[in-house]
Amino acid sequence: MHELGVVFEVIKNVENFAKKNGVTKIDTLVLQIGELSSMIPKYIEACYPAAVDGTFMQYTKLKIEILPGNGLCKKCSTVFNLMKNGGKCPGCRNEEWELLSGKEFMIKEIIAC
């Protein structure tokens, strides 16, 4: 489970941001995770309490937004969800597509108190 190391890195980045900007208390941390990324949201949620334990973020809430894994069909230019359609364009059933989104893992928002 590599998620724990990733969460520790996120916490370090958020702490550095808070120090540089004079933020002393954070209410909510919002992460965006693409449904095609290597990060598993439930593991991120499970690791989070251990990662913030003993830090100034100890009581910070975590919110995760899942970003869809979308592709653009190279044949008919349809934009479609790769997961829901098994990697096939729902319009023409073509399996050749360009990835548009879904691999992301980012800090979207830091909500201070």
PDB file of N, CA and C in Angstrom:
ATOM      1  N   MET A   1       0.854  -1.182   0.000  1.00  0.00           N
ATOM      2  CA  MET A   1       0.000   0.000   0.000  1.00  0.00           C
ATOM      3  C   MET A   1       0.891   1.234   0.000  1.00  0.00           C
ATOM      4  N   HIS A   2       1.093   1.809  -1.165  1.00  0.00           N
ATOM      5  CA  HIS A   2       1.927   2.998  -1.306  1.00  0.00           C
ATOM      6  C   HIS A   2       1.187   4.279  -0.945  1.00  0.00           C
ATOM      7  N   GLU A   3      -0.092   4.154  -0.678  1.00  0.00           N
ATOM      8  CA  GLU A   3      -0.898   5.336  -0.357  1.00  0.00           C
ATOM      9  C   GLU A   3      -0.400   6.055   0.896  1.00  0.00           C
ATOM     10  N   LEU A   4       0.086   5.318   1.891  1.00  0.00           N
ATOM     11  CA  LEU A   4       0.540   5.956   3.129  1.00  0.00           C
ATOM     12  C   LEU A   4       1.682   6.926   2.853  1.00  0.00           C
ATOM     13  N   GLY A   5       2.657   6.508   2.072  1.00  0.00           N
ATOM     14  CA  GLY A   5       3.767   7.397   1.722  1.00  0.00           C
ATOM     15  C   GLY A   5       3.299   8.618   0.958  1.00  0.00           C
ATOM     16  N   VAL A   6       2.338   8.423   0.078  1.00  0.00           N
ATOM     17  CA  VAL A   6       1.787   9.542  -0.698  1.00  0.00           C
ATOM     18  C   VAL A   6       1.054  10.509   0.232  1.00  0.00           C
ATOM     19  N   VAL A   7       0.290   9.974   1.174  1.00  0.00           N
ATOM     20  CA  VAL A   7      -0.443  10.842   2.109  1.00  0.00           C
ATOM     21  C   VAL A   7       0.537  11.629   2.977  1.00  0.00           C
ATOM     22  N   PHE A   8       1.619  10.994   3.429  1.00  0.00           N
ATOM     23  CA  PHE A   8       2.637  11.726   4.198  1.00  0.00           C
ATOM     24  C   PHE A   8       3.212  12.888   3.376  1.00  0.00           C
ATOM     25  N   GLU A   9       3.439  12.666   2.104  1.00  0.00           N
ATOM     26  CA  GLU A   9       3.970  13.710   1.223  1.00  0.00           C
ATOM     27  C   GLU A   9       2.948  14.841   1.046  1.00  0.00           C
ATOM     28  N   VAL A  10       1.677  14.487   0.914  1.00  0.00           N
ATOM     29  CA  VAL A  10       0.617  15.499   0.805  1.00  0.00           C
ATOM     30  C   VAL A  10       0.591  16.357   2.070  1.00  0.00           C
ATOM     31  N   ILE A  11       0.642  15.710   3.226  1.00  0.00           N
ATOM     32  CA  ILE A  11       0.608  16.433   4.504  1.00  0.00           C
ATOM     33  C   ILE A  11       1.809  17.377   4.607  1.00  0.00           C
ATOM     34  N   LYS A  12       2.973  16.906   4.198  1.00  0.00           N
ATOM     35  CA  LYS A  12       4.177  17.741   4.216  1.00  0.00           C
ATOM     36  C   LYS A  12       3.993  18.969   3.324  1.00  0.00           C
ATOM     37  N   ASN A  13       3.443  18.777   2.140  1.00  0.00           N
ATOM     38  CA  ASN A  13       3.195  19.901   1.222  1.00  0.00           C
ATOM     39  C   ASN A  13       2.190  20.889   1.788  1.00  0.00           C
ATOM     40  N   VAL A  14       1.126  20.372   2.399  1.00  0.00           N
ATOM     41  CA  VAL A  14       0.107  21.245   2.990  1.00  0.00           C
ATOM     42  C   VAL A  14       0.699  22.023   4.165  1.00  0.00           C
ATOM     43  N   GLU A  15       1.491  21.358   5.005  1.00  0.00           N
ATOM     44  CA  GLU A  15       2.123  22.046   6.134  1.00  0.00           C
ATOM     45  C   GLU A  15       3.055  23.155   5.647  1.00  0.00           C
ATOM     46  N   ASN A  16       3.839  22.880   4.606  1.00  0.00           N
ATOM     47  CA  ASN A  16       4.727  23.905   4.050  1.00  0.00           C
ATOM     48  C   ASN A  16       3.931  25.093   3.506  1.00  0.00           C
ATOM     49  N   PHE A  17       2.839  24.801   2.807  1.00  0.00           N
ATOM     50  CA  PHE A  17       1.973  25.858   2.289  1.00  0.00           C
ATOM     51  C   PHE A  17       1.414  26.697   3.438  1.00  0.00           C
ATOM     52  N   ALA A  18       0.933  26.017   4.493  1.00  0.00           N
ATOM     53  CA  ALA A  18       0.339  26.723   5.633  1.00  0.00           C
ATOM     54  C   ALA A  18       1.366  27.636   6.306  1.00  0.00           C
ATOM     55  N   LYS A  19       2.575  27.145   6.510  1.00  0.00           N
ATOM     56  CA  LYS A  19       3.621  27.956   7.153  1.00  0.00           C
ATOM     57  C   LYS A  19       3.956  29.187   6.311  1.00  0.00           C
ATOM     58  N   LYS A  20       4.088  29.002   5.013  1.00  0.00           N
ATOM     59  CA  LYS A  20       4.437  30.107   4.128  1.00  0.00           C
ATOM     60  C   LYS A  20       3.338  31.169   4.063  1.00  0.00           C
ATOM     61  N   ASN A  21       2.099  30.746   4.310  1.00  0.00           N
ATOM     62  CA  ASN A  21       0.957  31.658   4.171  1.00  0.00           C
ATOM     63  C   ASN A  21       0.318  32.042   5.498  1.00  0.00           C
ATOM     64  N   GLY A  22       0.954  31.706   6.604  1.00  0.00           N
ATOM     65  CA  GLY A  22       0.450  32.099   7.917  1.00  0.00           C
ATOM     66  C   GLY A  22      -0.837  31.415   8.332  1.00  0.00           C
ATOM     67  N   VAL A  23      -1.110  30.248   7.774  1.00  0.00           N
ATOM     68  CA  VAL A  23      -2.316  29.503   8.141  1.00  0.00           C
ATOM     69  C   VAL A  23      -1.994  28.646   9.360  1.00  0.00           C
ATOM     70  N   THR A  24      -2.775  28.815  10.427  1.00  0.00           N
ATOM     71  CA  THR A  24      -2.508  28.081  11.668  1.00  0.00           C
ATOM     72  C   THR A  24      -3.485  26.943  11.918  1.00  0.00           C
ATOM     73  N   LYS A  25      -4.611  26.965  11.213  1.00  0.00           N
ATOM     74  CA  LYS A  25      -5.587  25.893  11.400  1.00  0.00           C
ATOM     75  C   LYS A  25      -6.303  25.626  10.084  1.00  0.00           C
ATOM     76  N   ILE A  26      -6.401  24.355   9.737  1.00  0.00           N
ATOM     77  CA  ILE A  26      -7.067  23.946   8.507  1.00  0.00           C
ATOM     78  C   ILE A  26      -8.291  23.123   8.871  1.00  0.00           C
ATOM     79  N   ASP A  27      -9.417  23.484   8.301  1.00  0.00           N
ATOM     80  CA  ASP A  27     -10.661  22.754   8.556  1.00  0.00           C
ATOM     81  C   ASP A  27     -10.764  21.517   7.673  1.00  0.00           C
ATOM     82  N   THR A  28     -10.536  21.694   6.365  1.00  0.00           N
ATOM     83  CA  THR A  28     -10.748  20.606   5.405  1.00  0.00           C
ATOM     84  C   THR A  28      -9.665  20.621   4.335  1.00  0.00           C
ATOM     85  N   LEU A  29      -9.219  19.430   3.988  1.00  0.00           N
ATOM     86  CA  LEU A  29      -8.294  19.234   2.881  1.00  0.00           C
ATOM     87  C   LEU A  29      -9.069  18.489   1.798  1.00  0.00           C
ATOM     88  N   VAL A  30      -9.092  19.046   0.582  1.00  0.00           N
ATOM     89  CA  VAL A  30      -9.826  18.434  -0.525  1.00  0.00           C
ATOM     90  C   VAL A  30      -8.824  17.892  -1.538  1.00  0.00           C
ATOM     91  N   LEU A  31      -8.903  16.596  -1.799  1.00  0.00           N
ATOM     92  CA  LEU A  31      -8.060  15.949  -2.797  1.00  0.00           C
ATOM     93  C   LEU A  31      -8.913  15.527  -3.981  1.00  0.00           C
ATOM     94  N   GLN A  32      -8.326  15.593  -5.158  1.00  0.00           N
ATOM     95  CA  GLN A  32      -8.979  15.062  -6.350  1.00  0.00           C
ATOM     96  C   GLN A  32      -8.171  13.851  -6.811  1.00  0.00           C
ATOM     97  N   ILE A  33      -8.892  12.746  -7.024  1.00  0.00           N
ATOM     98  CA  ILE A  33      -8.245  11.505  -7.435  1.00  0.00           C
ATOM     99  C   ILE A  33      -8.967  10.986  -8.675  1.00  0.00           C
ATOM    100  N   GLY A  34      -8.216  10.791  -9.741  1.00  0.00           N
ATOM    101  CA  GLY A  34      -8.795  10.246 -10.960  1.00  0.00           C
ATOM    102  C   GLY A  34      -9.105   8.765 -10.792  1.00  0.00           C
ATOM    103  N   GLU A  35     -10.206   8.336 -11.372  1.00  0.00           N
ATOM    104  CA  GLU A  35     -10.603   6.940 -11.207  1.00  0.00           C
ATOM    105  C   GLU A  35      -9.661   5.972 -11.915  1.00  0.00           C
ATOM    106  N   LEU A  36      -8.756   6.477 -12.729  1.00  0.00           N
ATOM    107  CA  LEU A  36      -7.776   5.629 -13.397  1.00  0.00           C
ATOM    108  C   LEU A  36      -6.380   5.769 -12.777  1.00  0.00           C
ATOM    109  N   SER A  37      -6.269   6.549 -11.713  1.00  0.00           N
ATOM    110  CA  SER A  37      -4.963   6.743 -11.079  1.00  0.00           C
ATOM    111  C   SER A  37      -4.598   5.491 -10.277  1.00  0.00           C
ATOM    112  N   SER A  38      -3.374   5.454  -9.823  1.00  0.00           N
ATOM    113  CA  SER A  38      -2.932   4.300  -9.026  1.00  0.00           C
ATOM    114  C   SER A  38      -3.306   4.447  -7.555  1.00  0.00           C
ATOM    115  N   MET A  39      -3.917   5.562  -7.195  1.00  0.00           N
ATOM    116  CA  MET A  39      -4.334   5.794  -5.812  1.00  0.00           C
ATOM    117  C   MET A  39      -5.746   5.250  -5.581  1.00  0.00           C
ATOM    118  N   ILE A  40      -5.918   4.543  -4.496  1.00  0.00           N
ATOM    119  CA  ILE A  40      -7.223   3.986  -4.159  1.00  0.00           C
ATOM    120  C   ILE A  40      -7.824   4.844  -3.044  1.00  0.00           C
ATOM    121  N   PRO A  41      -8.927   5.545  -3.349  1.00  0.00           N
ATOM    122  CA  PRO A  41      -9.501   6.486  -2.382  1.00  0.00           C
ATOM    123  C   PRO A  41      -9.750   5.908  -0.992  1.00  0.00           C
ATOM    124  N   LYS A  42     -10.258   4.688  -0.897  1.00  0.00           N
ATOM    125  CA  LYS A  42     -10.544   4.146   0.441  1.00  0.00           C
ATOM    126  C   LYS A  42      -9.257   3.913   1.229  1.00  0.00           C
ATOM    127  N   TYR A  43      -8.155   3.634   0.553  1.00  0.00           N
ATOM    128  CA  TYR A  43      -6.873   3.487   1.243  1.00  0.00           C
ATOM    129  C   TYR A  43      -6.323   4.845   1.671  1.00  0.00           C
ATOM    130  N   ILE A  44      -6.535   5.855   0.839  1.00  0.00           N
ATOM    131  CA  ILE A  44      -6.137   7.218   1.207  1.00  0.00           C
ATOM    132  C   ILE A  44      -6.887   7.623   2.476  1.00  0.00           C
ATOM    133  N   GLU A  45      -8.188   7.371   2.498  1.00  0.00           N
ATOM    134  CA  GLU A  45      -9.011   7.701   3.676  1.00  0.00           C
ATOM    135  C   GLU A  45      -8.547   6.922   4.904  1.00  0.00           C
ATOM    136  N   ALA A  46      -8.194   5.666   4.726  1.00  0.00           N
ATOM    137  CA  ALA A  46      -7.753   4.836   5.846  1.00  0.00           C
ATOM    138  C   ALA A  46      -6.403   5.296   6.397  1.00  0.00           C
ATOM    139  N   CYS A  47      -5.512   5.749   5.532  1.00  0.00           N
ATOM    140  CA  CYS A  47      -4.173   6.204   5.938  1.00  0.00           C
ATOM    141  C   CYS A  47      -4.174   7.587   6.567  1.00  0.00           C
ATOM    142  N   TYR A  48      -5.122   8.393   6.199  1.00  0.00           N
ATOM    143  CA  TYR A  48      -5.121   9.798   6.582  1.00  0.00           C
ATOM    144  C   TYR A  48      -5.013  10.034   8.097  1.00  0.00           C
ATOM    145  N   PRO A  49      -5.810   9.370   8.938  1.00  0.00           N
ATOM    146  CA  PRO A  49      -5.698   9.629  10.388  1.00  0.00           C
ATOM    147  C   PRO A  49      -4.294   9.371  10.937  1.00  0.00           C
ATOM    148  N   ALA A  50      -3.638   8.322  10.469  1.00  0.00           N
ATOM    149  CA  ALA A  50      -2.278   8.021  10.940  1.00  0.00           C
ATOM    150  C   ALA A  50      -1.294   9.079  10.461  1.00  0.00           C
ATOM    151  N   ALA A  51      -1.479   9.572   9.250  1.00  0.00           N
ATOM    152  CA  ALA A  51      -0.557  10.555   8.679  1.00  0.00           C
ATOM    153  C   ALA A  51      -0.644  11.912   9.371  1.00  0.00           C
ATOM    154  N   VAL A  52      -1.822  12.294   9.846  1.00  0.00           N
ATOM    155  CA  VAL A  52      -1.979  13.604  10.485  1.00  0.00           C
ATOM    156  C   VAL A  52      -1.868  13.542  12.003  1.00  0.00           C
ATOM    157  N   ASP A  53      -1.807  12.353  12.554  1.00  0.00           N
ATOM    158  CA  ASP A  53      -1.726  12.191  14.007  1.00  0.00           C
ATOM    159  C   ASP A  53      -0.507  12.926  14.563  1.00  0.00           C
ATOM    160  N   GLY A  54      -0.742  13.794  15.529  1.00  0.00           N
ATOM    161  CA  GLY A  54       0.340  14.541  16.157  1.00  0.00           C
ATOM    162  C   GLY A  54       0.788  15.782  15.406  1.00  0.00           C
ATOM    163  N   THR A  55       0.139  16.084  14.273  1.00  0.00           N
ATOM    164  CA  THR A  55       0.484  17.293  13.516  1.00  0.00           C
ATOM    165  C   THR A  55      -0.575  18.360  13.780  1.00  0.00           C
ATOM    166  N   PHE A  56      -0.324  19.559  13.277  1.00  0.00           N
ATOM    167  CA  PHE A  56      -1.340  20.607  13.457  1.00  0.00           C
ATOM    168  C   PHE A  56      -2.576  20.320  12.603  1.00  0.00           C
ATOM    169  N   MET A  57      -2.492  19.323  11.735  1.00  0.00           N
ATOM    170  CA  MET A  57      -3.626  18.942  10.896  1.00  0.00           C
ATOM    171  C   MET A  57      -4.433  17.785  11.499  1.00  0.00           C
ATOM    172  N   GLN A  58      -4.137  17.448  12.714  1.00  0.00           N
ATOM    173  CA  GLN A  58      -4.752  16.291  13.370  1.00  0.00           C
ATOM    174  C   GLN A  58      -6.279  16.284  13.294  1.00  0.00           C
ATOM    175  N   TYR A  59      -6.904  17.436  13.387  1.00  0.00           N
ATOM    176  CA  TYR A  59      -8.372  17.493  13.390  1.00  0.00           C
ATOM    177  C   TYR A  59      -8.948  17.957  12.050  1.00  0.00           C
ATOM    178  N   THR A  60      -8.115  17.960  11.034  1.00  0.00           N
ATOM    179  CA  THR A  60      -8.538  18.368   9.705  1.00  0.00           C
ATOM    180  C   THR A  60      -9.370  17.268   9.046  1.00  0.00           C
ATOM    181  N   LYS A  61     -10.457  17.670   8.422  1.00  0.00           N
ATOM    182  CA  LYS A  61     -11.289  16.719   7.681  1.00  0.00           C
ATOM    183  C   LYS A  61     -10.695  16.497   6.288  1.00  0.00           C
ATOM    184  N   LEU A  62     -10.891  15.312   5.776  1.00  0.00           N
ATOM    185  CA  LEU A  62     -10.437  14.975   4.428  1.00  0.00           C
ATOM    186  C   LEU A  62     -11.652  14.766   3.544  1.00  0.00           C
ATOM    187  N   LYS A  63     -11.641  15.421   2.396  1.00  0.00           N
ATOM    188  CA  LYS A  63     -12.693  15.232   1.405  1.00  0.00           C
ATOM    189  C   LYS A  63     -12.022  14.787   0.114  1.00  0.00           C
ATOM    190  N   ILE A  64     -12.559  13.739  -0.497  1.00  0.00           N
ATOM    191  CA  ILE A  64     -12.003  13.228  -1.748  1.00  0.00           C
ATOM    192  C   ILE A  64     -13.041  13.357  -2.846  1.00  0.00           C
ATOM    193  N   GLU A  65     -12.617  13.948  -3.953  1.00  0.00           N
ATOM    194  CA  GLU A  65     -13.459  14.040  -5.142  1.00  0.00           C
ATOM    195  C   GLU A  65     -12.877  13.103  -6.193  1.00  0.00           C
ATOM    196  N   ILE A  66     -13.717  12.265  -6.757  1.00  0.00           N
ATOM    197  CA  ILE A  66     -13.278  11.326  -7.786  1.00  0.00           C
ATOM    198  C   ILE A  66     -13.489  11.973  -9.154  1.00  0.00           C
ATOM    199  N   LEU A  67     -12.427  12.014  -9.940  1.00  0.00           N
ATOM    200  CA  LEU A  67     -12.517  12.565 -11.297  1.00  0.00           C
ATOM    201  C   LEU A  67     -12.690  11.418 -12.285  1.00  0.00           C
ATOM    202  N   PRO A  68     -13.604  11.568 -13.236  1.00  0.00           N
ATOM    203  CA  PRO A  68     -13.881  10.474 -14.168  1.00  0.00           C
ATOM    204  C   PRO A  68     -12.720  10.203 -15.123  1.00  0.00           C
ATOM    205  N   GLY A  69     -12.609   8.948 -15.508  1.00  0.00           N
ATOM    206  CA  GLY A  69     -11.630   8.540 -16.510  1.00  0.00           C
ATOM    207  C   GLY A  69     -12.260   8.648 -17.885  1.00  0.00           C
ATOM    208  N   ASN A  70     -12.040   9.767 -18.537  1.00  0.00           N
ATOM    209  CA  ASN A  70     -12.666  10.014 -19.839  1.00  0.00           C
ATOM    210  C   ASN A  70     -11.674   9.861 -20.979  1.00  0.00           C
ATOM    211  N   GLY A  71     -12.184   9.367 -22.085  1.00  0.00           N
ATOM    212  CA  GLY A  71     -11.394   9.237 -23.300  1.00  0.00           C
ATOM    213  C   GLY A  71     -12.101   9.878 -24.468  1.00  0.00           C
ATOM    214  N   LEU A  72     -11.324  10.195 -25.510  1.00  0.00           N
ATOM    215  CA  LEU A  72     -11.854  10.758 -26.748  1.00  0.00           C
ATOM    216  C   LEU A  72     -11.645   9.715 -27.837  1.00  0.00           C
ATOM    217  N   CYS A  73     -12.740   9.261 -28.428  1.00  0.00           N
ATOM    218  CA  CYS A  73     -12.664   8.258 -29.485  1.00  0.00           C
ATOM    219  C   CYS A  73     -11.905   8.822 -30.685  1.00  0.00           C
ATOM    220  N   LYS A  74     -10.930   8.062 -31.157  1.00  0.00           N
ATOM    221  CA  LYS A  74     -10.129   8.513 -32.302  1.00  0.00           C
ATOM    222  C   LYS A  74     -10.870   8.354 -33.627  1.00  0.00           C
ATOM    223  N   LYS A  75     -11.988   7.638 -33.598  1.00  0.00           N
ATOM    224  CA  LYS A  75     -12.743   7.420 -34.840  1.00  0.00           C
ATOM    225  C   LYS A  75     -13.882   8.425 -34.994  1.00  0.00           C
ATOM    226  N   CYS A  76     -14.704   8.566 -33.950  1.00  0.00           N
ATOM    227  CA  CYS A  76     -15.899   9.415 -34.086  1.00  0.00           C
ATOM    228  C   CYS A  76     -15.887  10.652 -33.184  1.00  0.00           C
ATOM    229  N   SER A  77     -14.810  10.839 -32.412  1.00  0.00           N
ATOM    230  CA  SER A  77     -14.624  12.007 -31.536  1.00  0.00           C
ATOM    231  C   SER A  77     -15.613  12.088 -30.377  1.00  0.00           C
ATOM    232  N   THR A  78     -16.207  10.979 -30.000  1.00  0.00           N
ATOM    233  CA  THR A  78     -17.092  10.944 -28.842  1.00  0.00           C
ATOM    234  C   THR A  78     -16.245  10.958 -27.567  1.00  0.00           C
ATOM    235  N   VAL A  79     -16.647  11.765 -26.591  1.00  0.00           N
ATOM    236  CA  VAL A  79     -16.021  11.759 -25.275  1.00  0.00           C
ATOM    237  C   VAL A  79     -16.836  10.793 -24.415  1.00  0.00           C
ATOM    238  N   PHE A  80     -16.155   9.832 -23.770  1.00  0.00           N
ATOM    239  CA  PHE A  80     -16.882   8.831 -22.994  1.00  0.00           C
ATOM    240  C   PHE A  80     -16.081   8.387 -21.778  1.00  0.00           C
ATOM    241  N   ASN A  81     -16.788   7.827 -20.795  1.00  0.00           N
ATOM    242  CA  ASN A  81     -16.154   7.302 -19.590  1.00  0.00           C
ATOM    243  C   ASN A  81     -15.596   5.917 -19.899  1.00  0.00           C
ATOM    244  N   LEU A  82     -14.291   5.794 -19.738  1.00  0.00           N
ATOM    245  CA  LEU A  82     -13.612   4.540 -20.065  1.00  0.00           C
ATOM    246  C   LEU A  82     -14.040   3.390 -19.156  1.00  0.00           C
ATOM    247  N   MET A  83     -14.218   3.664 -17.880  1.00  0.00           N
ATOM    248  CA  MET A  83     -14.595   2.618 -16.925  1.00  0.00           C
ATOM    249  C   MET A  83     -16.010   2.096 -17.206  1.00  0.00           C
ATOM    250  N   LYS A  84     -16.936   2.997 -17.395  1.00  0.00           N
ATOM    251  CA  LYS A  84     -18.329   2.596 -17.603  1.00  0.00           C
ATOM    252  C   LYS A  84     -18.543   1.885 -18.928  1.00  0.00           C
ATOM    253  N   ASN A  85     -17.652   2.129 -19.889  1.00  0.00           N
ATOM    254  CA  ASN A  85     -17.830   1.559 -21.223  1.00  0.00           C
ATOM    255  C   ASN A  85     -16.777   0.515 -21.579  1.00  0.00           C
ATOM    256  N   GLY A  86     -16.040   0.064 -20.594  1.00  0.00           N
ATOM    257  CA  GLY A  86     -15.060  -0.998 -20.817  1.00  0.00           C
ATOM    258  C   GLY A  86     -14.002  -0.650 -21.854  1.00  0.00           C
ATOM    259  N   GLY A  87     -13.681   0.635 -21.982  1.00  0.00           N
ATOM    260  CA  GLY A  87     -12.660   1.071 -22.926  1.00  0.00           C
ATOM    261  C   GLY A  87     -13.112   1.121 -24.374  1.00  0.00           C
ATOM    262  N   LYS A  88     -14.417   0.935 -24.599  1.00  0.00           N
ATOM    263  CA  LYS A  88     -14.960   0.992 -25.965  1.00  0.00           C
ATOM    264  C   LYS A  88     -15.882   2.188 -26.104  1.00  0.00           C
ATOM    265  N   CYS A  89     -15.749   2.865 -27.232  1.00  0.00           N
ATOM    266  CA  CYS A  89     -16.618   4.008 -27.508  1.00  0.00           C
ATOM    267  C   CYS A  89     -18.069   3.538 -27.567  1.00  0.00           C
ATOM    268  N   PRO A  90     -18.966   4.185 -26.821  1.00  0.00           N
ATOM    269  CA  PRO A  90     -20.369   3.788 -26.868  1.00  0.00           C
ATOM    270  C   PRO A  90     -21.044   4.136 -28.200  1.00  0.00           C
ATOM    271  N   GLY A  91     -20.422   5.042 -28.952  1.00  0.00           N
ATOM    272  CA  GLY A  91     -21.000   5.449 -30.235  1.00  0.00           C
ATOM    273  C   GLY A  91     -20.680   4.488 -31.364  1.00  0.00           C
ATOM    274  N   CYS A  92     -19.391   4.125 -31.485  1.00  0.00           N
ATOM    275  CA  CYS A  92     -18.994   3.302 -32.636  1.00  0.00           C
ATOM    276  C   CYS A  92     -18.274   2.006 -32.233  1.00  0.00           C
ATOM    277  N   ARG A  93     -18.131   1.778 -30.925  1.00  0.00           N
ATOM    278  CA  ARG A  93     -17.493   0.571 -30.361  1.00  0.00           C
ATOM    279  C   ARG A  93     -15.989   0.486 -30.648  1.00  0.00           C
ATOM    280  N   ASN A  94     -15.402   1.563 -31.109  1.00  0.00           N
ATOM    281  CA  ASN A  94     -13.974   1.618 -31.367  1.00  0.00           C
ATOM    282  C   ASN A  94     -13.206   1.528 -30.045  1.00  0.00           C
ATOM    283  N   GLU A  95     -12.059   0.876 -30.059  1.00  0.00           N
ATOM    284  CA  GLU A  95     -11.244   0.738 -28.854  1.00  0.00           C
ATOM    285  C   GLU A  95      -9.995   1.615 -28.888  1.00  0.00           C
ATOM    286  N   GLU A  96      -9.908   2.497 -29.852  1.00  0.00           N
ATOM    287  CA  GLU A  96      -8.784   3.425 -29.929  1.00  0.00           C
ATOM    288  C   GLU A  96      -9.257   4.793 -29.472  1.00  0.00           C
ATOM    289  N   TRP A  97      -8.632   5.272 -28.414  1.00  0.00           N
ATOM    290  CA  TRP A  97      -9.039   6.529 -27.818  1.00  0.00           C
ATOM    291  C   TRP A  97      -7.826   7.254 -27.256  1.00  0.00           C
ATOM    292  N   GLU A  98      -8.032   8.535 -26.999  1.00  0.00           N
ATOM    293  CA  GLU A  98      -7.023   9.374 -26.356  1.00  0.00           C
ATOM    294  C   GLU A  98      -7.501   9.669 -24.937  1.00  0.00           C
ATOM    295  N   LEU A  99      -6.641   9.479 -23.968  1.00  0.00           N
ATOM    296  CA  LEU A  99      -7.003   9.740 -22.575  1.00  0.00           C
ATOM    297  C   LEU A  99      -7.143  11.246 -22.342  1.00  0.00           C
ATOM    298  N   LEU A 100      -8.284  11.649 -21.803  1.00  0.00           N
ATOM    299  CA  LEU A 100      -8.530  13.059 -21.496  1.00  0.00           C
ATOM    300  C   LEU A 100      -8.361  13.356 -20.010  1.00  0.00           C
ATOM    301  N   SER A 101      -8.825  12.451 -19.172  1.00  0.00           N
ATOM    302  CA  SER A 101      -8.755  12.674 -17.722  1.00  0.00           C
ATOM    303  C   SER A 101      -8.914  11.346 -16.987  1.00  0.00           C
ATOM    304  N   GLY A 102      -8.518  11.370 -15.717  1.00  0.00           N
ATOM    305  CA  GLY A 102      -8.712  10.198 -14.876  1.00  0.00           C
ATOM    306  C   GLY A 102      -7.461   9.704 -14.189  1.00  0.00           C
ATOM    307  N   LYS A 103      -6.297  10.239 -14.540  1.00  0.00           N
ATOM    308  CA  LYS A 103      -5.041   9.814 -13.910  1.00  0.00           C
ATOM    309  C   LYS A 103      -4.586  10.801 -12.820  1.00  0.00           C
ATOM    310  N   GLU A 104      -5.364  11.829 -12.585  1.00  0.00           N
ATOM    311  CA  GLU A 104      -4.968  12.904 -11.677  1.00  0.00           C
ATOM    312  C   GLU A 104      -4.898  12.448 -10.213  1.00  0.00           C
ATOM    313  N   PHE A 105      -4.032  13.108  -9.495  1.00  0.00           N
ATOM    314  CA  PHE A 105      -3.990  13.039  -8.031  1.00  0.00           C
ATOM    315  C   PHE A 105      -3.461  14.394  -7.590  1.00  0.00           C
ATOM    316  N   MET A 106      -4.320  15.209  -7.008  1.00  0.00           N
ATOM    317  CA  MET A 106      -3.881  16.566  -6.655  1.00  0.00           C
ATOM    318  C   MET A 106      -4.627  17.120  -5.453  1.00  0.00           C
ATOM    319  N   ILE A 107      -3.981  18.082  -4.847  1.00  0.00           N
ATOM    320  CA  ILE A 107      -4.615  18.849  -3.776  1.00  0.00           C
ATOM    321  C   ILE A 107      -5.450  19.913  -4.468  1.00  0.00           C
ATOM    322  N   LYS A 108      -6.756  19.838  -4.282  1.00  0.00           N
ATOM    323  CA  LYS A 108      -7.632  20.813  -4.922  1.00  0.00           C
ATOM    324  C   LYS A 108      -7.794  22.059  -4.071  1.00  0.00           C
ATOM    325  N   GLU A 109      -7.959  21.840  -2.758  1.00  0.00           N
ATOM    326  CA  GLU A 109      -8.321  22.970  -1.908  1.00  0.00           C
ATOM    327  C   GLU A 109      -7.875  22.725  -0.474  1.00  0.00           C
ATOM    328  N   ILE A 110      -7.436  23.789   0.156  1.00  0.00           N
ATOM    329  CA  ILE A 110      -7.104  23.778   1.587  1.00  0.00           C
ATOM    330  C   ILE A 110      -8.018  24.822   2.219  1.00  0.00           C
ATOM    331  N   ILE A 111      -8.951  24.358   3.019  1.00  0.00           N
ATOM    332  CA  ILE A 111      -9.930  25.268   3.614  1.00  0.00           C
ATOM    333  C   ILE A 111      -9.508  25.584   5.048  1.00  0.00           C
ATOM    334  N   ALA A 112      -9.110  26.829   5.269  1.00  0.00           N
ATOM    335  CA  ALA A 112      -8.668  27.264   6.587  1.00  0.00           C
ATOM    336  C   ALA A 112      -9.871  27.631   7.443  1.00  0.00           C
ATOM    337  N   CYS A 113      -9.662  27.601   8.744  1.00  0.00           N
ATOM    338  CA  CYS A 113     -10.736  27.977   9.686  1.00  0.00           C
ATOM    339  C   CYS A 113     -10.796  29.476   9.848  1.00  0.00           C
TER     340      CYS A 113
END
